[in-house]
Amino acid sequence: MADDSKSGNCTRLAHAGRRPEWTGIEGHPSAVVNPPIWRGSTHLYPDTKALKAATSCNEDGRFFYGRRGSPTQWALADALTGLEPGAAGTMLYPSGVAALAGALLAVLRPGDVLLMTDHAYEPTRALASSLLKDMGVETRWFDPLDPAALEAACCERTRALLLESPGSLSMEMQDIPAACAFARSRGIVTIMDNTWASPLGFAAHSHGVDISVMSLTKHVGGHSDLMMGSASAGKEWYPKLRRMAQLTGQVVSPDDAALALRGLRTMALRLERTAATALELARWLENRSEVARVFCPMLPGSPGHDIWQRDFSGSCGLIGFAFRGGTAEARSAFIDALSLFGIGYSWGGFESLVTPADPGAIRTASPWPPAGMDAADRFAVRLAIGLEDAADLIADLSRGFAAWSAA
């Protein structure tokens, strides 16, 4: 397309990553719709001169060795970059956690301080308290809803700020533009886990983020059958991301890249459907006597709704709620009584999932339950809404609440 930036999301996704050189053969008048799957570890050269020349050109579109990818991986990376206004390039990783690690390792050095939002994804916290700690990086957690806490945690050694909005368990909305402006004024690099909204719902770079990370396992894959992550960055940080990814041998399977490309084509439609169903369920949940609070930033009147409405153009099906009192056993009875919600980690697939959620177990800098909630309302669940009909999911949740009450 001549100018993808002016097209709608569905149009962009339908055409992204389909360059002629990746879908056809040079000099041939026609091409296929999808970039083919190029499997190959060894790339061959016509002579030693070409072999030598290849070492001096490290970019997508140039064969070198299988670890640097082929047209299948390049097409996916190109498509993802096209979704991120302000991004110069995207690196692919075998999981979302690998993408987060790759971004952090590209920025941080021994002696640096990393500021991390206290509601960050638990594996991200584990990276900070183990791998980064072992290499001499100090991590300081801060309350994402308190700008003064962010400023208080900062020091002259602060190198990076890791953001996530909303939080993957508790759905707090942080003011990302304000946090990025604060970081930029002090020369701090901002990294954001943008998996929840994806670039379709939150243009991270346009709001000041330096490196935007996604777990492609979730919305992009969309079918619960692949593991992958990505990190997109502007001109300053993309070469450093690329260097670190290549030094650590990060590569994804061309077969998985093809699955991700396939999922990408329908991502906007799936996000629209799951978000609409999630909002319908959130409205139903807020009227249940068993529910103390619904965690859903797109729900009018919910905490953080104003920020979501101001900065976000979309959302997804990941929400949650806290029971009004009860016990851990009652929560388990609720979960075990559900038949349409699978019990399992991850989200963003076509199927609905449920897991118990205990945000307070991993926090170190912010309270749980939050302000406005009773201490007895600490038992929560996370719901990943899929493509099922809302009425059927509501009926299933009703059975769960009956089991909760009985327990």
Protein backbone atom coordinates (compact mmCIF):
# COMPACT_ATOMS: atom_id res chain seq x y z
CA MET A 1 0.00 0.00 0.00
CA ALA A 2 1.15 3.53 -0.71
CA ASP A 3 0.60 4.90 2.82
CA ASP A 4 -0.35 2.34 5.45
CA SER A 5 -0.43 4.94 8.22
CA LYS A 6 -3.67 6.44 6.84
CA SER A 7 -5.47 3.10 6.56
CA GLY A 8 -7.70 1.43 9.13
CA ASN A 9 -6.46 -1.37 11.36
CA CYS A 10 -8.09 -4.20 9.42
CA THR A 11 -6.73 -2.88 6.11
CA ARG A 12 -3.22 -2.51 7.53
CA LEU A 13 -3.27 -6.00 8.98
CA ALA A 14 -4.50 -7.53 5.73
CA HIS A 15 -1.58 -6.07 3.77
CA ALA A 16 1.22 -5.89 6.35
CA GLY A 17 4.42 -7.81 5.66
CA ARG A 18 3.46 -8.76 2.10
CA ARG A 19 6.30 -7.15 0.18
CA PRO A 20 6.60 -8.41 -3.42
CA GLU A 21 10.11 -9.73 -2.81
CA TRP A 22 8.74 -12.00 -0.04
CA THR A 23 5.60 -13.26 -1.82
CA GLY A 24 6.91 -13.78 -5.36
CA ILE A 25 9.91 -14.51 -7.54
CA GLU A 26 11.89 -11.72 -9.18
CA GLY A 27 10.95 -11.36 -12.81
CA HIS A 28 7.83 -13.51 -12.46
CA PRO A 29 4.53 -11.71 -13.16
CA SER A 30 2.51 -13.16 -10.25
CA ALA A 31 2.86 -14.00 -6.55
CA VAL A 32 1.21 -15.85 -3.66
CA VAL A 33 -0.89 -14.17 -0.96
CA ASN A 34 1.08 -15.30 2.09
CA PRO A 35 4.88 -15.18 2.39
CA PRO A 36 6.00 -18.83 2.06
CA ILE A 37 7.69 -20.68 4.89
CA TRP A 38 11.44 -20.57 4.31
CA ARG A 39 13.09 -23.30 6.36
CA GLY A 40 16.86 -23.26 6.31
CA SER A 41 19.83 -22.98 8.62
CA THR A 42 22.46 -22.63 5.89
CA HIS A 43 22.35 -19.85 3.33
CA LEU A 44 24.54 -20.41 0.27
CA TYR A 45 26.66 -17.90 -1.68
CA PRO A 46 27.72 -18.03 -5.33
CA ASP A 47 31.37 -17.31 -4.51
CA THR A 48 33.75 -16.17 -1.77
CA LYS A 49 33.36 -12.55 -2.76
CA ALA A 50 29.64 -12.71 -2.02
CA LEU A 51 30.33 -14.58 1.23
CA LYS A 52 32.68 -11.82 2.37
CA ALA A 53 30.27 -9.06 1.33
CA ALA A 54 27.46 -10.59 3.36
CA THR A 55 29.33 -10.07 6.62
CA SER A 56 29.23 -6.30 6.18
CA CYS A 57 25.45 -6.02 5.69
CA ASN A 58 23.41 -6.93 8.75
CA GLU A 59 19.78 -6.19 7.93
CA ASP A 60 16.54 -7.97 7.18
CA GLY A 61 16.19 -8.89 3.53
CA ARG A 62 19.82 -10.03 3.29
CA PHE A 63 20.59 -13.72 3.56
CA PHE A 64 23.48 -14.60 5.82
CA TYR A 65 22.70 -17.54 8.12
CA GLY A 66 19.47 -19.05 9.40
CA ARG A 67 19.82 -17.41 12.80
CA ARG A 68 19.28 -14.01 11.16
CA GLY A 69 16.04 -15.18 9.61
CA SER A 70 14.55 -15.54 6.17
CA PRO A 71 11.64 -13.91 4.30
CA THR A 72 9.10 -15.57 6.63
CA GLN A 73 10.54 -13.98 9.78
CA TRP A 74 11.38 -10.74 7.99
CA ALA A 75 7.78 -10.40 6.80
CA LEU A 76 6.45 -10.76 10.34
CA ALA A 77 8.94 -8.27 11.78
CA ASP A 78 8.16 -5.83 8.97
CA ALA A 79 4.41 -6.17 9.59
CA LEU A 80 4.81 -5.53 13.32
CA THR A 81 7.01 -2.49 12.71
CA GLY A 82 4.33 -1.10 10.43
CA LEU A 83 1.83 -1.26 13.29
CA GLU A 84 4.05 0.86 15.56
CA PRO A 85 4.15 4.53 14.50
CA GLY A 86 7.65 5.77 15.30
CA ALA A 87 9.33 2.35 15.27
CA ALA A 88 12.38 1.79 13.06
CA GLY A 89 12.40 -2.00 13.40
CA THR A 90 11.26 -5.05 15.33
CA MET A 91 13.15 -8.02 16.74
CA LEU A 92 11.48 -11.40 17.24
CA TYR A 93 12.05 -13.69 20.23
CA PRO A 94 10.91 -17.23 21.14
CA SER A 95 8.61 -15.92 23.92
CA GLY A 96 7.32 -12.72 25.47
CA VAL A 97 9.64 -13.16 28.45
CA ALA A 98 12.58 -13.53 26.06
CA ALA A 99 11.56 -10.25 24.42
CA LEU A 100 11.45 -8.49 27.80
CA ALA A 101 14.84 -9.94 28.70
CA GLY A 102 16.25 -8.88 25.35
CA ALA A 103 15.05 -5.30 25.79
CA LEU A 104 16.36 -5.06 29.36
CA LEU A 105 19.75 -6.55 28.45
CA ALA A 106 20.09 -4.15 25.53
CA VAL A 107 19.74 -1.18 27.88
CA LEU A 108 21.14 -2.12 31.29
CA ARG A 109 24.71 -2.57 32.49
CA PRO A 110 26.19 -3.52 35.90
CA GLY A 111 25.68 -0.72 38.41
CA ASP A 112 22.53 0.61 36.72
CA VAL A 113 19.20 1.07 38.46
CA LEU A 114 15.97 -0.17 36.88
CA LEU A 115 12.64 1.31 37.97
CA MET A 116 9.78 -1.18 37.58
CA THR A 117 6.06 -0.69 38.07
CA ASP A 118 4.86 -2.72 41.05
CA HIS A 119 2.04 -4.36 39.07
CA ALA A 120 4.39 -5.77 36.42
CA TYR A 121 3.95 -9.27 35.00
CA GLU A 122 5.38 -11.71 37.54
CA PRO A 123 8.03 -13.25 35.19
CA THR A 124 9.26 -9.70 34.52
CA ARG A 125 9.74 -9.21 38.26
CA ALA A 126 11.56 -12.55 38.39
CA LEU A 127 13.98 -11.35 35.70
CA ALA A 128 14.77 -8.32 37.83
CA SER A 129 15.23 -10.20 41.10
CA SER A 130 17.39 -12.95 39.61
CA LEU A 131 19.16 -12.43 36.26
CA LEU A 132 19.49 -8.65 36.48
CA LYS A 133 20.40 -8.76 40.18
CA ASP A 134 23.11 -11.32 39.45
CA MET A 135 24.63 -9.04 36.81
CA GLY A 136 24.74 -6.10 39.22
CA VAL A 137 21.57 -4.22 38.28
CA GLU A 138 19.46 -2.86 41.13
CA THR A 139 15.68 -2.86 40.67
CA ARG A 140 13.40 -0.48 42.54
CA TRP A 141 9.64 -1.05 42.41
CA PHE A 142 7.19 1.83 42.65
CA ASP A 143 3.44 2.34 42.96
CA PRO A 144 2.20 2.87 39.37
CA LEU A 145 -0.57 5.21 40.58
CA ASP A 146 1.73 7.53 42.54
CA PRO A 147 3.92 9.85 40.42
CA ALA A 148 5.74 10.96 43.58
CA ALA A 149 6.78 7.35 44.23
CA LEU A 150 8.31 7.13 40.76
CA GLU A 151 10.28 10.32 41.33
CA ALA A 152 11.39 9.18 44.79
CA ALA A 153 12.73 5.90 43.40
CA CYS A 154 14.83 7.66 40.78
CA CYS A 155 18.54 8.37 41.28
CA GLU A 156 21.58 9.36 39.24
CA ARG A 157 22.22 5.68 38.37
CA THR A 158 18.71 5.09 36.98
CA ARG A 159 19.03 3.86 33.43
CA ALA A 160 15.66 2.34 32.54
CA LEU A 161 11.98 2.49 33.45
CA LEU A 162 9.76 -0.55 32.83
CA LEU A 163 6.05 0.18 32.40
CA GLU A 164 2.92 -1.93 31.98
CA SER A 165 -0.56 -0.52 31.63
CA PRO A 166 -2.93 -1.90 32.61
CA GLY A 167 -1.37 -4.32 35.08
CA SER A 168 -1.93 -7.89 33.94
CA LEU A 169 -3.64 -9.03 37.17
CA SER A 170 -5.13 -5.92 38.73
CA MET A 171 -5.74 -3.68 35.69
CA GLU A 172 -4.47 -0.42 37.22
CA MET A 173 -3.94 2.24 34.58
CA GLN A 174 -0.69 4.18 34.79
CA ASP A 175 -0.29 7.57 33.13
CA ILE A 176 2.20 6.42 30.50
CA PRO A 177 2.77 9.79 28.74
CA ALA A 178 3.53 11.45 32.09
CA ALA A 179 5.91 8.67 33.13
CA CYS A 180 7.69 8.83 29.77
CA ALA A 181 8.02 12.60 29.97
CA PHE A 182 9.55 12.25 33.44
CA ALA A 183 11.98 9.62 32.16
CA ARG A 184 12.98 11.61 29.11
CA SER A 185 13.77 14.68 31.21
CA ARG A 186 16.33 12.57 33.10
CA GLY A 187 17.75 10.58 30.19
CA ILE A 188 16.05 7.34 31.27
CA VAL A 189 15.07 4.72 28.67
CA THR A 190 11.42 3.59 28.79
CA ILE A 191 10.40 0.00 28.06
CA MET A 192 6.73 -0.95 28.01
CA ASP A 193 4.99 -4.31 28.01
CA ASN A 194 2.17 -3.40 25.60
CA THR A 195 0.67 -6.88 25.24
CA TRP A 196 -2.77 -6.02 26.70
CA ALA A 197 -3.81 -3.36 24.19
CA SER A 198 -1.30 -4.13 21.41
CA PRO A 199 -0.26 -1.31 19.06
CA LEU A 200 -3.82 -1.33 17.70
CA GLY A 201 -5.15 -0.12 21.05
CA PHE A 202 -2.20 1.91 22.35
CA ALA A 203 0.43 3.54 20.14
CA ALA A 204 3.30 3.20 22.60
CA HIS A 205 5.98 5.11 20.69
CA SER A 206 3.60 7.97 19.96
CA HIS A 207 3.07 8.29 23.72
CA GLY A 208 6.79 8.50 24.47
CA VAL A 209 7.89 4.86 24.91
CA ASP A 210 11.36 3.98 23.61
CA ILE A 211 10.99 0.18 23.36
CA SER A 212 7.58 -1.50 23.05
CA VAL A 213 7.38 -5.21 23.91
CA MET A 214 4.62 -7.70 23.12
CA SER A 215 3.98 -11.34 23.83
CA LEU A 216 2.95 -12.48 20.36
CA THR A 217 1.78 -15.69 22.04
CA LYS A 218 -1.36 -13.76 22.98
CA HIS A 219 -3.32 -11.64 20.49
CA VAL A 220 -1.07 -11.99 17.45
CA GLY A 221 -1.00 -15.78 17.55
CA GLY A 222 -4.61 -15.83 18.69
CA HIS A 223 -5.02 -19.62 18.64
CA SER A 224 -3.02 -20.84 21.67
CA ASP A 225 -0.58 -22.79 19.51
CA LEU A 226 2.65 -20.78 19.40
CA MET A 227 5.13 -19.01 21.69
CA MET A 228 6.75 -15.79 20.52
CA GLY A 229 7.59 -12.24 21.55
CA SER A 230 8.65 -8.99 19.91
CA ALA A 231 10.36 -5.73 20.77
CA SER A 232 10.00 -2.65 18.56
CA ALA A 233 12.17 0.43 18.87
CA GLY A 234 13.02 3.70 17.17
CA LYS A 235 16.24 4.56 15.34
CA GLU A 236 18.30 4.98 18.52
CA TRP A 237 17.48 1.68 20.20
CA TYR A 238 16.63 -0.70 17.36
CA PRO A 239 20.30 -1.35 16.40
CA LYS A 240 21.10 -2.09 20.06
CA LEU A 241 18.13 -4.44 20.35
CA ARG A 242 19.29 -6.20 17.19
CA ARG A 243 22.86 -6.53 18.41
CA MET A 244 21.83 -8.03 21.76
CA ALA A 245 19.37 -10.42 20.13
CA GLN A 246 22.04 -11.69 17.75
CA LEU A 247 24.68 -11.96 20.47
CA THR A 248 22.34 -14.12 22.56
CA GLY A 249 21.21 -16.21 19.60
CA GLN A 250 17.54 -15.20 19.64
CA VAL A 251 15.64 -16.67 16.70
CA VAL A 252 12.11 -17.90 16.02
CA SER A 253 10.94 -20.80 13.88
CA PRO A 254 9.79 -19.84 10.36
CA ASP A 255 6.79 -22.13 10.89
CA ASP A 256 5.81 -20.19 14.01
CA ALA A 257 6.40 -16.91 12.20
CA ALA A 258 3.96 -18.05 9.52
CA LEU A 259 1.38 -18.89 12.20
CA ALA A 260 1.88 -15.43 13.74
CA LEU A 261 1.42 -13.79 10.34
CA ARG A 262 -1.79 -15.75 9.86
CA GLY A 263 -3.07 -14.71 13.29
CA LEU A 264 -2.12 -11.11 12.63
CA ARG A 265 -4.60 -10.87 9.72
CA THR A 266 -7.63 -11.30 12.01
CA MET A 267 -6.25 -9.72 15.19
CA ALA A 268 -8.26 -6.49 14.93
CA LEU A 269 -11.51 -8.41 14.52
CA ARG A 270 -10.74 -10.72 17.43
CA LEU A 271 -9.74 -7.83 19.68
CA GLU A 272 -12.93 -5.96 18.84
CA ARG A 273 -15.08 -9.02 19.59
CA THR A 274 -13.35 -10.10 22.80
CA ALA A 275 -13.24 -6.53 24.13
CA ALA A 276 -16.97 -6.05 23.48
CA THR A 277 -17.82 -9.33 25.21
CA ALA A 278 -15.51 -8.51 28.12
CA LEU A 279 -17.22 -5.15 28.62
CA GLU A 280 -20.63 -6.83 28.56
CA LEU A 281 -19.47 -9.31 31.20
CA ALA A 282 -17.89 -6.52 33.27
CA ARG A 283 -21.21 -4.65 33.36
CA TRP A 284 -22.96 -7.85 34.43
CA LEU A 285 -20.34 -8.59 37.10
CA GLU A 286 -20.52 -5.12 38.68
CA ASN A 287 -24.17 -5.79 39.49
CA ARG A 288 -23.50 -9.11 41.22
CA SER A 289 -23.71 -9.04 45.02
CA GLU A 290 -20.81 -11.51 45.22
CA VAL A 291 -18.43 -9.06 43.49
CA ALA A 292 -16.56 -6.35 45.40
CA ARG A 293 -14.84 -4.77 42.39
CA VAL A 294 -14.48 -5.42 38.67
CA PHE A 295 -11.04 -4.85 37.17
CA CYS A 296 -11.80 -3.48 33.72
CA PRO A 297 -10.47 -0.06 32.66
CA MET A 298 -12.93 0.29 29.78
CA LEU A 299 -15.84 0.03 32.23
CA PRO A 300 -17.23 3.55 32.87
CA GLY A 301 -16.69 4.61 36.46
CA SER A 302 -13.95 2.07 37.09
CA PRO A 303 -10.52 3.18 38.40
CA GLY A 304 -8.33 4.32 35.50
CA HIS A 305 -11.19 4.63 33.02
CA ASP A 306 -10.34 8.28 32.38
CA ILE A 307 -6.77 7.41 31.41
CA TRP A 308 -7.92 4.54 29.21
CA GLN A 309 -10.42 6.82 27.48
CA ARG A 310 -7.79 9.55 26.96
CA ASP A 311 -4.86 7.47 25.70
CA PHE A 312 -6.21 4.20 24.34
CA SER A 313 -8.09 3.50 21.12
CA GLY A 314 -8.84 -0.14 21.93
CA SER A 315 -8.60 -2.91 24.49
CA CYS A 316 -8.91 -6.69 24.79
CA GLY A 317 -10.75 -9.43 26.63
CA LEU A 318 -8.54 -9.63 29.72
CA ILE A 319 -10.41 -8.49 32.86
CA GLY A 320 -10.83 -9.64 36.45
CA PHE A 321 -12.79 -9.19 39.64
CA ALA A 322 -12.52 -9.55 43.41
CA PHE A 323 -15.05 -11.48 45.45
CA ARG A 324 -16.86 -9.77 48.30
CA GLY A 325 -15.27 -11.67 51.17
CA GLY A 326 -15.22 -15.42 50.92
CA THR A 327 -12.35 -17.85 51.15
CA ALA A 328 -9.72 -19.40 48.94
CA GLU A 329 -11.75 -22.61 48.97
CA ALA A 330 -14.87 -20.77 47.78
CA ARG A 331 -12.86 -19.21 44.95
CA SER A 332 -11.63 -22.65 43.93
CA ALA A 333 -15.22 -23.91 43.96
CA PHE A 334 -16.20 -21.03 41.64
CA ILE A 335 -13.40 -21.83 39.19
CA ASP A 336 -13.93 -25.59 39.25
CA ALA A 337 -17.65 -25.18 38.51
CA LEU A 338 -17.01 -23.39 35.20
CA SER A 339 -17.25 -25.44 32.01
CA LEU A 340 -16.65 -22.92 29.21
CA PHE A 341 -13.67 -21.27 30.91
CA GLY A 342 -10.55 -23.39 30.73
CA ILE A 343 -8.24 -23.28 33.73
CA GLY A 344 -4.87 -22.25 32.38
CA TYR A 345 -2.33 -19.48 31.95
CA SER A 346 -2.00 -17.12 29.00
CA TRP A 347 -4.76 -15.24 27.19
CA GLY A 348 -5.52 -13.71 23.81
CA GLY A 349 -6.64 -16.99 22.24
CA PHE A 350 -10.07 -17.83 20.85
CA GLU A 351 -11.06 -19.65 24.05
CA SER A 352 -11.97 -18.20 27.45
CA LEU A 353 -9.72 -18.91 30.43
CA VAL A 354 -9.82 -18.37 34.19
CA THR A 355 -7.12 -18.38 36.87
CA PRO A 356 -7.02 -17.33 40.53
CA ALA A 357 -5.32 -13.95 40.96
CA ASP A 358 -3.42 -12.83 44.05
CA PRO A 359 -1.74 -9.52 43.19
CA GLY A 360 -0.73 -8.88 46.80
CA ALA A 361 1.52 -11.94 46.81
CA ILE A 362 4.07 -10.32 44.48
CA ARG A 363 3.81 -6.61 45.34
CA THR A 364 6.42 -4.76 47.30
CA ALA A 365 5.60 -1.06 46.82
CA SER A 366 1.80 -0.73 46.60
CA PRO A 367 -1.09 -2.02 48.71
CA TRP A 368 -3.47 -4.85 47.95
CA PRO A 369 -6.43 -4.72 48.23
CA PRO A 370 -6.26 -1.15 46.87
CA ALA A 371 -7.92 1.90 48.35
CA GLY A 372 -11.69 1.64 48.44
CA MET A 373 -11.71 -2.12 48.91
CA ASP A 374 -12.13 -4.00 52.18
CA ALA A 375 -9.23 -6.16 53.37
CA ALA A 376 -11.55 -9.18 53.31
CA ASP A 377 -12.06 -8.76 49.55
CA ARG A 378 -8.63 -10.09 48.67
CA PHE A 379 -9.62 -13.16 46.66
CA ALA A 380 -9.72 -12.42 42.95
CA VAL A 381 -9.83 -14.16 39.60
CA ARG A 382 -8.58 -13.21 36.16
CA LEU A 383 -10.82 -13.83 33.16
CA ALA A 384 -9.50 -14.05 29.62
CA ILE A 385 -12.56 -13.66 27.41
CA GLY A 386 -12.53 -15.54 24.13
CA LEU A 387 -14.87 -15.72 21.14
CA GLU A 388 -17.75 -17.55 22.81
CA ASP A 389 -21.18 -15.93 22.97
CA ALA A 390 -21.58 -13.55 25.90
CA ALA A 391 -24.86 -15.14 27.02
CA ASP A 392 -23.21 -18.54 27.30
CA LEU A 393 -20.29 -17.15 29.30
CA ILE A 394 -22.68 -15.32 31.65
CA ALA A 395 -24.60 -18.54 32.22
CA ASP A 396 -21.35 -20.32 33.00
CA LEU A 397 -20.29 -17.61 35.46
CA SER A 398 -23.70 -17.84 37.13
CA ARG A 399 -23.04 -21.52 37.81
CA GLY A 400 -19.70 -20.54 39.27
CA PHE A 401 -21.26 -18.02 41.64
CA ALA A 402 -23.77 -20.64 42.79
CA ALA A 403 -20.88 -22.94 43.65
CA TRP A 404 -19.08 -20.06 45.41
CA SER A 405 -22.14 -19.31 47.54
CA ALA A 406 -22.56 -22.97 48.44
CA ALA A 407 -18.92 -23.20 49.50
